[in-house]
Amino acid sequence: MAHLLLNKLNIKNGALNMSFREKLIWLQLLALAVFGVAYFGPVFGSYLGVTAVPGGQFMWMVYCILALIIGLPVAAVGMAIVASLRTPREARSPRDERDRVIALLGTRTGFYVLVTGVLVAMLSMHAGSGPVLLVNFMLFALLLAELSRLGTQVFLYRRGW
């Protein structure tokens, strides 16, 4: 039973057997999920009355967006440097056709999620929500689109496309 699970997860000799590009996608997915929870947890919690956002709704949004704009690229570059130092030969190799197809399929999934999220955000404006909530819905649509893009790519890499 354990042997089947290890084979399914592609674990060999106690380590995940992943390509360099798949490792980068996993790291981006993790960083984006952490930043998304750090931002949308308090923001949507304040709309539901569960938590209070420090400093007011608008200033919290500005601080978190600035942290996201600065922190996410710094985290992505740092993780890419660490991953490339661990496997320098694979980091220098060009993308093959499989990597390009997986990226395109992930982008297609993310686009559909983004369009749906933007439409829902616009409908929320007609339902009487304010502009700050509209911006948060749009940012949430962007987050879900990127998470679905990266999630689709991880799924296709794990599936062995």
N, C-alpha and C. Protein backbone atom coordinates (compact mmCIF):
# COMPACT_ATOMS: atom_id res chain seq x y z
N MET A 1 0.82 -1.19 0.00
CA MET A 1 0.00 0.00 0.00
C MET A 1 0.87 1.26 0.00
N ALA A 2 1.87 1.30 0.88
CA ALA A 2 2.77 2.46 0.94
C ALA A 2 3.55 2.60 -0.36
N HIS A 3 3.92 1.47 -0.97
CA HIS A 3 4.65 1.50 -2.22
C HIS A 3 3.82 2.16 -3.32
N LEU A 4 2.52 1.87 -3.37
CA LEU A 4 1.64 2.48 -4.37
C LEU A 4 1.53 3.99 -4.15
N LEU A 5 1.43 4.41 -2.89
CA LEU A 5 1.34 5.83 -2.59
C LEU A 5 2.63 6.55 -2.98
N LEU A 6 3.77 5.96 -2.68
CA LEU A 6 5.05 6.57 -3.04
C LEU A 6 5.19 6.67 -4.55
N ASN A 7 4.74 5.65 -5.27
CA ASN A 7 4.79 5.71 -6.73
C ASN A 7 3.86 6.78 -7.27
N LYS A 8 2.67 6.91 -6.68
CA LYS A 8 1.70 7.91 -7.13
C LYS A 8 2.22 9.32 -6.91
N LEU A 9 2.87 9.55 -5.78
CA LEU A 9 3.44 10.87 -5.49
C LEU A 9 4.78 11.09 -6.16
N ASN A 10 5.31 10.06 -6.83
CA ASN A 10 6.58 10.14 -7.53
C ASN A 10 7.72 10.42 -6.55
N ILE A 11 7.71 9.71 -5.43
CA ILE A 11 8.75 9.85 -4.42
C ILE A 11 9.73 8.69 -4.57
N LYS A 12 11.01 9.03 -4.74
CA LYS A 12 12.03 8.02 -4.89
C LYS A 12 13.18 8.35 -3.95
N ASN A 13 13.62 7.38 -3.19
CA ASN A 13 14.70 7.54 -2.23
C ASN A 13 14.44 8.65 -1.22
N GLY A 14 13.18 8.80 -0.82
CA GLY A 14 12.83 9.79 0.20
C GLY A 14 12.73 11.21 -0.30
N ALA A 15 12.84 11.45 -1.59
CA ALA A 15 12.77 12.81 -2.12
C ALA A 15 11.75 12.85 -3.25
N LEU A 16 11.11 14.00 -3.40
CA LEU A 16 10.19 14.19 -4.51
C LEU A 16 10.98 14.29 -5.80
N ASN A 17 10.56 13.54 -6.78
CA ASN A 17 11.23 13.56 -8.07
C ASN A 17 10.49 14.56 -8.96
N MET A 18 10.96 15.81 -8.95
CA MET A 18 10.31 16.88 -9.71
C MET A 18 11.32 17.58 -10.60
N SER A 19 10.79 18.12 -11.69
CA SER A 19 11.65 18.93 -12.54
C SER A 19 11.84 20.31 -11.91
N PHE A 20 12.79 21.05 -12.42
CA PHE A 20 13.08 22.39 -11.90
C PHE A 20 11.87 23.30 -12.05
N ARG A 21 11.20 23.24 -13.20
CA ARG A 21 10.05 24.10 -13.44
C ARG A 21 8.89 23.76 -12.50
N GLU A 22 8.71 22.47 -12.22
CA GLU A 22 7.65 22.08 -11.29
C GLU A 22 7.95 22.58 -9.88
N LYS A 23 9.22 22.52 -9.48
CA LYS A 23 9.59 23.04 -8.16
C LYS A 23 9.28 24.53 -8.06
N LEU A 24 9.60 25.28 -9.13
CA LEU A 24 9.31 26.71 -9.12
C LEU A 24 7.81 26.97 -9.01
N ILE A 25 7.02 26.18 -9.70
CA ILE A 25 5.57 26.37 -9.66
C ILE A 25 5.04 26.07 -8.26
N TRP A 26 5.54 25.01 -7.62
CA TRP A 26 5.13 24.70 -6.25
C TRP A 26 5.49 25.85 -5.32
N LEU A 27 6.69 26.41 -5.47
CA LEU A 27 7.12 27.51 -4.61
C LEU A 27 6.28 28.76 -4.84
N GLN A 28 5.96 29.06 -6.10
CA GLN A 28 5.10 30.21 -6.40
C GLN A 28 3.70 30.00 -5.82
N LEU A 29 3.19 28.79 -5.93
CA LEU A 29 1.87 28.47 -5.40
C LEU A 29 1.84 28.66 -3.89
N LEU A 30 2.87 28.21 -3.22
CA LEU A 30 2.95 28.35 -1.77
C LEU A 30 3.03 29.83 -1.36
N ALA A 31 3.90 30.59 -2.02
CA ALA A 31 4.06 32.01 -1.68
C ALA A 31 2.78 32.78 -1.94
N LEU A 32 2.12 32.50 -3.05
CA LEU A 32 0.88 33.21 -3.37
C LEU A 32 -0.23 32.85 -2.40
N ALA A 33 -0.30 31.61 -1.99
CA ALA A 33 -1.31 31.20 -1.01
C ALA A 33 -1.07 31.89 0.33
N VAL A 34 0.18 31.99 0.75
CA VAL A 34 0.49 32.66 2.03
C VAL A 34 0.12 34.14 1.96
N PHE A 35 0.52 34.83 0.88
CA PHE A 35 0.18 36.24 0.76
C PHE A 35 -1.33 36.43 0.63
N GLY A 36 -2.01 35.54 -0.07
CA GLY A 36 -3.46 35.65 -0.22
C GLY A 36 -4.19 35.50 1.09
N VAL A 37 -3.80 34.52 1.89
CA VAL A 37 -4.44 34.32 3.20
C VAL A 37 -4.12 35.49 4.13
N ALA A 38 -2.89 35.99 4.06
CA ALA A 38 -2.51 37.12 4.92
C ALA A 38 -3.32 38.37 4.59
N TYR A 39 -3.68 38.55 3.33
CA TYR A 39 -4.46 39.72 2.95
C TYR A 39 -5.96 39.50 3.12
N PHE A 40 -6.47 38.44 2.50
CA PHE A 40 -7.91 38.27 2.45
C PHE A 40 -8.52 37.73 3.73
N GLY A 41 -7.73 37.12 4.59
CA GLY A 41 -8.26 36.67 5.87
C GLY A 41 -8.81 37.83 6.69
N PRO A 42 -7.99 38.83 7.00
CA PRO A 42 -8.51 39.96 7.77
C PRO A 42 -9.52 40.82 7.00
N VAL A 43 -9.31 40.98 5.68
CA VAL A 43 -10.20 41.86 4.92
C VAL A 43 -11.62 41.28 4.87
N PHE A 44 -11.75 40.03 4.44
CA PHE A 44 -13.09 39.45 4.38
C PHE A 44 -13.63 39.16 5.77
N GLY A 45 -12.74 38.92 6.74
CA GLY A 45 -13.20 38.77 8.11
C GLY A 45 -13.81 40.04 8.65
N SER A 46 -13.28 41.19 8.24
CA SER A 46 -13.85 42.46 8.69
C SER A 46 -15.21 42.72 8.04
N TYR A 47 -15.38 42.29 6.79
CA TYR A 47 -16.68 42.44 6.15
C TYR A 47 -17.74 41.58 6.83
N LEU A 48 -17.33 40.43 7.30
CA LEU A 48 -18.27 39.53 7.98
C LEU A 48 -18.44 39.88 9.45
N GLY A 49 -17.64 40.81 9.95
CA GLY A 49 -17.75 41.21 11.34
C GLY A 49 -17.02 40.29 12.31
N VAL A 50 -16.16 39.42 11.79
CA VAL A 50 -15.43 38.47 12.62
C VAL A 50 -14.17 39.10 13.20
N THR A 51 -13.44 39.85 12.38
CA THR A 51 -12.20 40.47 12.82
C THR A 51 -12.24 41.96 12.49
N ALA A 52 -11.39 42.70 13.14
CA ALA A 52 -11.24 44.12 12.84
C ALA A 52 -9.91 44.33 12.13
N VAL A 53 -9.95 45.09 11.06
CA VAL A 53 -8.73 45.37 10.30
C VAL A 53 -8.03 46.54 10.96
N PRO A 54 -6.74 46.37 11.34
CA PRO A 54 -6.02 47.46 12.00
C PRO A 54 -5.81 48.65 11.07
N GLY A 55 -6.07 49.84 11.58
CA GLY A 55 -5.81 51.05 10.81
C GLY A 55 -6.90 51.40 9.81
N GLY A 56 -7.98 50.70 9.78
CA GLY A 56 -9.05 50.99 8.83
C GLY A 56 -8.92 50.16 7.57
N GLN A 57 -10.04 49.98 6.90
CA GLN A 57 -10.12 49.11 5.72
C GLN A 57 -9.21 49.58 4.59
N PHE A 58 -9.27 50.88 4.26
CA PHE A 58 -8.51 51.36 3.11
C PHE A 58 -7.01 51.30 3.35
N MET A 59 -6.56 51.75 4.53
CA MET A 59 -5.12 51.74 4.79
C MET A 59 -4.58 50.31 4.89
N TRP A 60 -5.37 49.38 5.44
CA TRP A 60 -4.95 47.98 5.49
C TRP A 60 -4.76 47.45 4.07
N MET A 61 -5.69 47.81 3.19
CA MET A 61 -5.61 47.36 1.80
C MET A 61 -4.35 47.93 1.14
N VAL A 62 -4.05 49.19 1.37
CA VAL A 62 -2.87 49.81 0.78
C VAL A 62 -1.59 49.16 1.30
N TYR A 63 -1.49 48.94 2.60
CA TYR A 63 -0.30 48.31 3.18
C TYR A 63 -0.11 46.90 2.65
N CYS A 64 -1.18 46.15 2.59
CA CYS A 64 -1.07 44.76 2.12
C CYS A 64 -0.74 44.68 0.64
N ILE A 65 -1.30 45.57 -0.15
CA ILE A 65 -0.99 45.56 -1.59
C ILE A 65 0.48 45.94 -1.80
N LEU A 66 0.96 46.92 -1.04
CA LEU A 66 2.39 47.27 -1.14
C LEU A 66 3.28 46.11 -0.71
N ALA A 67 2.88 45.43 0.36
CA ALA A 67 3.64 44.25 0.80
C ALA A 67 3.61 43.16 -0.26
N LEU A 68 2.47 43.01 -0.91
CA LEU A 68 2.34 42.01 -1.97
C LEU A 68 3.20 42.37 -3.17
N ILE A 69 3.16 43.65 -3.56
CA ILE A 69 3.92 44.09 -4.73
C ILE A 69 5.42 43.96 -4.49
N ILE A 70 5.86 44.22 -3.27
CA ILE A 70 7.29 44.12 -2.95
C ILE A 70 7.66 42.70 -2.53
N GLY A 71 6.84 42.09 -1.68
CA GLY A 71 7.20 40.80 -1.08
C GLY A 71 7.12 39.62 -2.01
N LEU A 72 6.10 39.57 -2.86
CA LEU A 72 5.94 38.40 -3.73
C LEU A 72 7.07 38.27 -4.75
N PRO A 73 7.46 39.35 -5.45
CA PRO A 73 8.61 39.20 -6.36
C PRO A 73 9.92 38.87 -5.63
N VAL A 74 10.12 39.48 -4.46
CA VAL A 74 11.34 39.18 -3.70
C VAL A 74 11.35 37.71 -3.29
N ALA A 75 10.21 37.20 -2.82
CA ALA A 75 10.12 35.80 -2.44
C ALA A 75 10.30 34.88 -3.64
N ALA A 76 9.69 35.24 -4.78
CA ALA A 76 9.80 34.41 -5.99
C ALA A 76 11.24 34.36 -6.49
N VAL A 77 11.92 35.51 -6.50
CA VAL A 77 13.32 35.53 -6.96
C VAL A 77 14.21 34.76 -6.00
N GLY A 78 13.99 34.95 -4.71
CA GLY A 78 14.78 34.22 -3.72
C GLY A 78 14.60 32.71 -3.84
N MET A 79 13.35 32.28 -4.01
CA MET A 79 13.10 30.84 -4.15
C MET A 79 13.68 30.31 -5.46
N ALA A 80 13.62 31.10 -6.52
CA ALA A 80 14.19 30.66 -7.80
C ALA A 80 15.71 30.54 -7.71
N ILE A 81 16.34 31.45 -6.99
CA ILE A 81 17.80 31.38 -6.83
C ILE A 81 18.18 30.13 -6.04
N VAL A 82 17.46 29.86 -4.97
CA VAL A 82 17.76 28.67 -4.16
C VAL A 82 17.54 27.41 -5.00
N ALA A 83 16.43 27.36 -5.74
CA ALA A 83 16.16 26.18 -6.56
C ALA A 83 17.19 26.01 -7.67
N SER A 84 17.64 27.12 -8.27
CA SER A 84 18.63 27.00 -9.34
C SER A 84 20.01 26.64 -8.81
N LEU A 85 20.32 27.03 -7.58
CA LEU A 85 21.59 26.63 -6.98
C LEU A 85 21.62 25.14 -6.67
N ARG A 86 20.45 24.58 -6.39
CA ARG A 86 20.38 23.14 -6.09
C ARG A 86 20.51 22.29 -7.35
N THR A 87 19.98 22.79 -8.48
CA THR A 87 20.06 22.06 -9.75
C THR A 87 20.45 23.03 -10.87
N PRO A 88 21.72 23.44 -10.93
CA PRO A 88 22.10 24.46 -11.91
C PRO A 88 22.00 24.00 -13.36
N ARG A 89 22.27 22.75 -13.61
CA ARG A 89 22.22 22.26 -14.99
C ARG A 89 20.80 22.29 -15.53
N GLU A 90 19.86 21.87 -14.70
CA GLU A 90 18.47 21.85 -15.13
C GLU A 90 17.89 23.26 -15.22
N ALA A 91 18.39 24.18 -14.41
CA ALA A 91 17.90 25.56 -14.44
C ALA A 91 18.28 26.26 -15.74
N ARG A 92 19.41 25.87 -16.31
CA ARG A 92 19.87 26.49 -17.56
C ARG A 92 19.23 25.89 -18.80
N SER A 93 18.58 24.76 -18.66
CA SER A 93 18.00 24.10 -19.83
C SER A 93 16.77 24.87 -20.32
N PRO A 94 16.59 24.92 -21.64
CA PRO A 94 15.42 25.65 -22.17
C PRO A 94 14.14 24.86 -21.92
N ARG A 95 13.03 25.56 -21.99
CA ARG A 95 11.73 24.90 -21.83
C ARG A 95 11.49 23.98 -23.02
N ASP A 96 11.01 22.79 -22.73
CA ASP A 96 10.68 21.89 -23.82
C ASP A 96 9.19 22.06 -24.16
N GLU A 97 8.74 21.27 -25.14
CA GLU A 97 7.36 21.39 -25.60
C GLU A 97 6.36 21.04 -24.49
N ARG A 98 6.69 20.07 -23.68
CA ARG A 98 5.81 19.68 -22.57
C ARG A 98 5.61 20.83 -21.60
N ASP A 99 6.69 21.53 -21.23
CA ASP A 99 6.58 22.66 -20.33
C ASP A 99 5.73 23.78 -20.93
N ARG A 100 5.89 24.03 -22.21
CA ARG A 100 5.11 25.08 -22.86
C ARG A 100 3.63 24.72 -22.91
N VAL A 101 3.30 23.47 -23.21
CA VAL A 101 1.90 23.04 -23.27
C VAL A 101 1.26 23.12 -21.88
N ILE A 102 1.99 22.68 -20.87
CA ILE A 102 1.46 22.75 -19.50
C ILE A 102 1.23 24.20 -19.09
N ALA A 103 2.13 25.10 -19.46
CA ALA A 103 1.95 26.52 -19.14
C ALA A 103 0.73 27.09 -19.86
N LEU A 104 0.53 26.70 -21.11
CA LEU A 104 -0.63 27.20 -21.86
C LEU A 104 -1.94 26.68 -21.28
N LEU A 105 -1.98 25.41 -20.91
CA LEU A 105 -3.20 24.86 -20.32
C LEU A 105 -3.51 25.51 -18.98
N GLY A 106 -2.48 25.78 -18.19
CA GLY A 106 -2.68 26.46 -16.92
C GLY A 106 -3.19 27.88 -17.13
N THR A 107 -2.63 28.58 -18.13
CA THR A 107 -3.06 29.93 -18.42
C THR A 107 -4.51 29.95 -18.88
N ARG A 108 -4.92 28.97 -19.65
CA ARG A 108 -6.31 28.90 -20.10
C ARG A 108 -7.26 28.74 -18.91
N THR A 109 -6.91 27.87 -17.98
CA THR A 109 -7.75 27.68 -16.80
C THR A 109 -7.81 28.97 -15.97
N GLY A 110 -6.68 29.60 -15.77
CA GLY A 110 -6.64 30.85 -15.01
C GLY A 110 -7.45 31.95 -15.66
N PHE A 111 -7.45 32.00 -17.00
CA PHE A 111 -8.22 33.03 -17.70
C PHE A 111 -9.71 32.86 -17.46
N TYR A 112 -10.21 31.64 -17.53
CA TYR A 112 -11.64 31.41 -17.30
C TYR A 112 -12.03 31.77 -15.87
N VAL A 113 -11.19 31.45 -14.92
CA VAL A 113 -11.46 31.81 -13.53
C VAL A 113 -11.44 33.33 -13.36
N LEU A 114 -10.50 34.00 -14.01
CA LEU A 114 -10.42 35.46 -13.92
C LEU A 114 -11.66 36.12 -14.51
N VAL A 115 -12.09 35.69 -15.68
CA VAL A 115 -13.27 36.28 -16.32
C VAL A 115 -14.50 36.08 -15.43
N THR A 116 -14.66 34.89 -14.89
CA THR A 116 -15.80 34.63 -14.01
C THR A 116 -15.74 35.51 -12.77
N GLY A 117 -14.56 35.64 -12.17
CA GLY A 117 -14.41 36.47 -10.98
C GLY A 117 -14.67 37.94 -11.23
N VAL A 118 -14.24 38.45 -12.37
CA VAL A 118 -14.47 39.85 -12.71
C VAL A 118 -15.96 40.09 -12.94
N LEU A 119 -16.63 39.15 -13.60
CA LEU A 119 -18.08 39.30 -13.79
C LEU A 119 -18.82 39.29 -12.47
N VAL A 120 -18.43 38.42 -11.56
CA VAL A 120 -19.05 38.39 -10.23
C VAL A 120 -18.78 39.69 -9.48
N ALA A 121 -17.56 40.22 -9.61
CA ALA A 121 -17.23 41.49 -8.96
C ALA A 121 -18.08 42.63 -9.51
N MET A 122 -18.28 42.65 -10.82
CA MET A 122 -19.11 43.70 -11.40
C MET A 122 -20.57 43.54 -10.98
N LEU A 123 -21.05 42.32 -10.89
CA LEU A 123 -22.42 42.10 -10.41
C LEU A 123 -22.57 42.52 -8.95
N SER A 124 -21.51 42.39 -8.15
CA SER A 124 -21.59 42.83 -6.76
C SER A 124 -21.76 44.34 -6.67
N MET A 125 -21.21 45.06 -7.64
CA MET A 125 -21.39 46.51 -7.65
C MET A 125 -22.85 46.86 -7.91
N HIS A 126 -23.51 46.09 -8.76
CA HIS A 126 -24.93 46.33 -9.01
C HIS A 126 -25.79 45.91 -7.83
N ALA A 127 -25.26 45.03 -6.98
CA ALA A 127 -25.99 44.59 -5.80
C ALA A 127 -25.85 45.58 -4.64
N GLY A 128 -25.08 46.65 -4.83
CA GLY A 128 -25.00 47.69 -3.82
C GLY A 128 -23.71 47.73 -3.02
N SER A 129 -22.71 46.99 -3.39
CA SER A 129 -21.44 47.06 -2.65
C SER A 129 -20.68 48.32 -3.07
N GLY A 130 -19.80 48.76 -2.20
CA GLY A 130 -19.03 49.97 -2.46
C GLY A 130 -17.81 49.70 -3.31
N PRO A 131 -17.09 50.76 -3.65
CA PRO A 131 -15.90 50.60 -4.51
C PRO A 131 -14.77 49.83 -3.84
N VAL A 132 -14.63 49.94 -2.52
CA VAL A 132 -13.57 49.21 -1.84
C VAL A 132 -13.83 47.71 -1.92
N LEU A 133 -15.09 47.32 -1.73
CA LEU A 133 -15.44 45.90 -1.85
C LEU A 133 -15.26 45.41 -3.28
N LEU A 134 -15.57 46.27 -4.26
CA LEU A 134 -15.37 45.91 -5.66
C LEU A 134 -13.89 45.64 -5.93
N VAL A 135 -13.02 46.50 -5.42
CA VAL A 135 -11.56 46.30 -5.61
C VAL A 135 -11.12 45.01 -4.94
N ASN A 136 -11.64 44.73 -3.76
CA ASN A 136 -11.28 43.48 -3.08
C ASN A 136 -11.78 42.26 -3.84
N PHE A 137 -12.97 42.34 -4.42
CA PHE A 137 -13.46 41.23 -5.24
C PHE A 137 -12.58 41.04 -6.48
N MET A 138 -12.16 42.14 -7.08
CA MET A 138 -11.29 42.04 -8.26
C MET A 138 -9.93 41.42 -7.88
N LEU A 139 -9.37 41.87 -6.74
CA LEU A 139 -8.10 41.30 -6.29
C LEU A 139 -8.26 39.82 -5.95
N PHE A 140 -9.40 39.46 -5.38
CA PHE A 140 -9.66 38.05 -5.05
C PHE A 140 -9.79 37.23 -6.34
N ALA A 141 -10.41 37.82 -7.36
CA ALA A 141 -10.50 37.14 -8.66
C ALA A 141 -9.11 36.92 -9.25
N LEU A 142 -8.24 37.92 -9.13
CA LEU A 142 -6.86 37.77 -9.61
C LEU A 142 -6.13 36.66 -8.84
N LEU A 143 -6.32 36.65 -7.52
CA LEU A 143 -5.68 35.61 -6.70
C LEU A 143 -6.17 34.22 -7.09
N LEU A 144 -7.48 34.06 -7.21
CA LEU A 144 -8.03 32.76 -7.59
C LEU A 144 -7.58 32.34 -8.98
N ALA A 145 -7.49 33.29 -9.89
CA ALA A 145 -7.04 32.96 -11.25
C ALA A 145 -5.60 32.47 -11.25
N GLU A 146 -4.74 33.15 -10.50
CA GLU A 146 -3.33 32.74 -10.45
C GLU A 146 -3.18 31.41 -9.72
N LEU A 147 -3.93 31.22 -8.64
CA LEU A 147 -3.88 29.93 -7.93
C LEU A 147 -4.39 28.80 -8.82
N SER A 148 -5.43 29.06 -9.60
CA SER A 148 -5.93 28.00 -10.49
C SER A 148 -4.95 27.73 -11.63
N ARG A 149 -4.27 28.77 -12.11
CA ARG A 149 -3.26 28.57 -13.16
C ARG A 149 -2.12 27.69 -12.64
N LEU A 150 -1.61 28.07 -11.48
CA LEU A 150 -0.51 27.30 -10.90
C LEU A 150 -0.97 25.91 -10.47
N GLY A 151 -2.18 25.81 -9.92
CA GLY A 151 -2.72 24.51 -9.52
C GLY A 151 -2.90 23.57 -10.70
N THR A 152 -3.36 24.11 -11.83
CA THR A 152 -3.50 23.30 -13.04
C THR A 152 -2.15 22.81 -13.52
N GLN A 153 -1.15 23.68 -13.47
CA GLN A 153 0.18 23.27 -13.90
C GLN A 153 0.75 22.18 -12.99
N VAL A 154 0.55 22.33 -11.69
CA VAL A 154 1.02 21.30 -10.75
C VAL A 154 0.30 19.98 -11.04
N PHE A 155 -1.00 20.05 -11.24
CA PHE A 155 -1.78 18.85 -11.52
C PHE A 155 -1.26 18.15 -12.79
N LEU A 156 -1.00 18.93 -13.82
CA LEU A 156 -0.53 18.33 -15.07
C LEU A 156 0.88 17.76 -14.94
N TYR A 157 1.75 18.42 -14.18
CA TYR A 157 3.07 17.86 -13.93
C TYR A 157 2.97 16.57 -13.12
N ARG A 158 2.15 16.58 -12.09
CA ARG A 158 2.01 15.38 -11.24
C ARG A 158 1.35 14.24 -12.01
N ARG A 159 0.44 14.57 -12.90
CA ARG A 159 -0.24 13.56 -13.69
C ARG A 159 0.69 12.91 -14.71
N GLY A 160 1.73 13.62 -15.04
CA GLY A 160 2.69 13.09 -16.01
C GLY A 160 2.31 13.39 -17.44
N TRP A 161 1.82 14.57 -17.68
CA TRP A 161 1.37 14.99 -19.01
C TRP A 161 2.46 14.84 -20.02
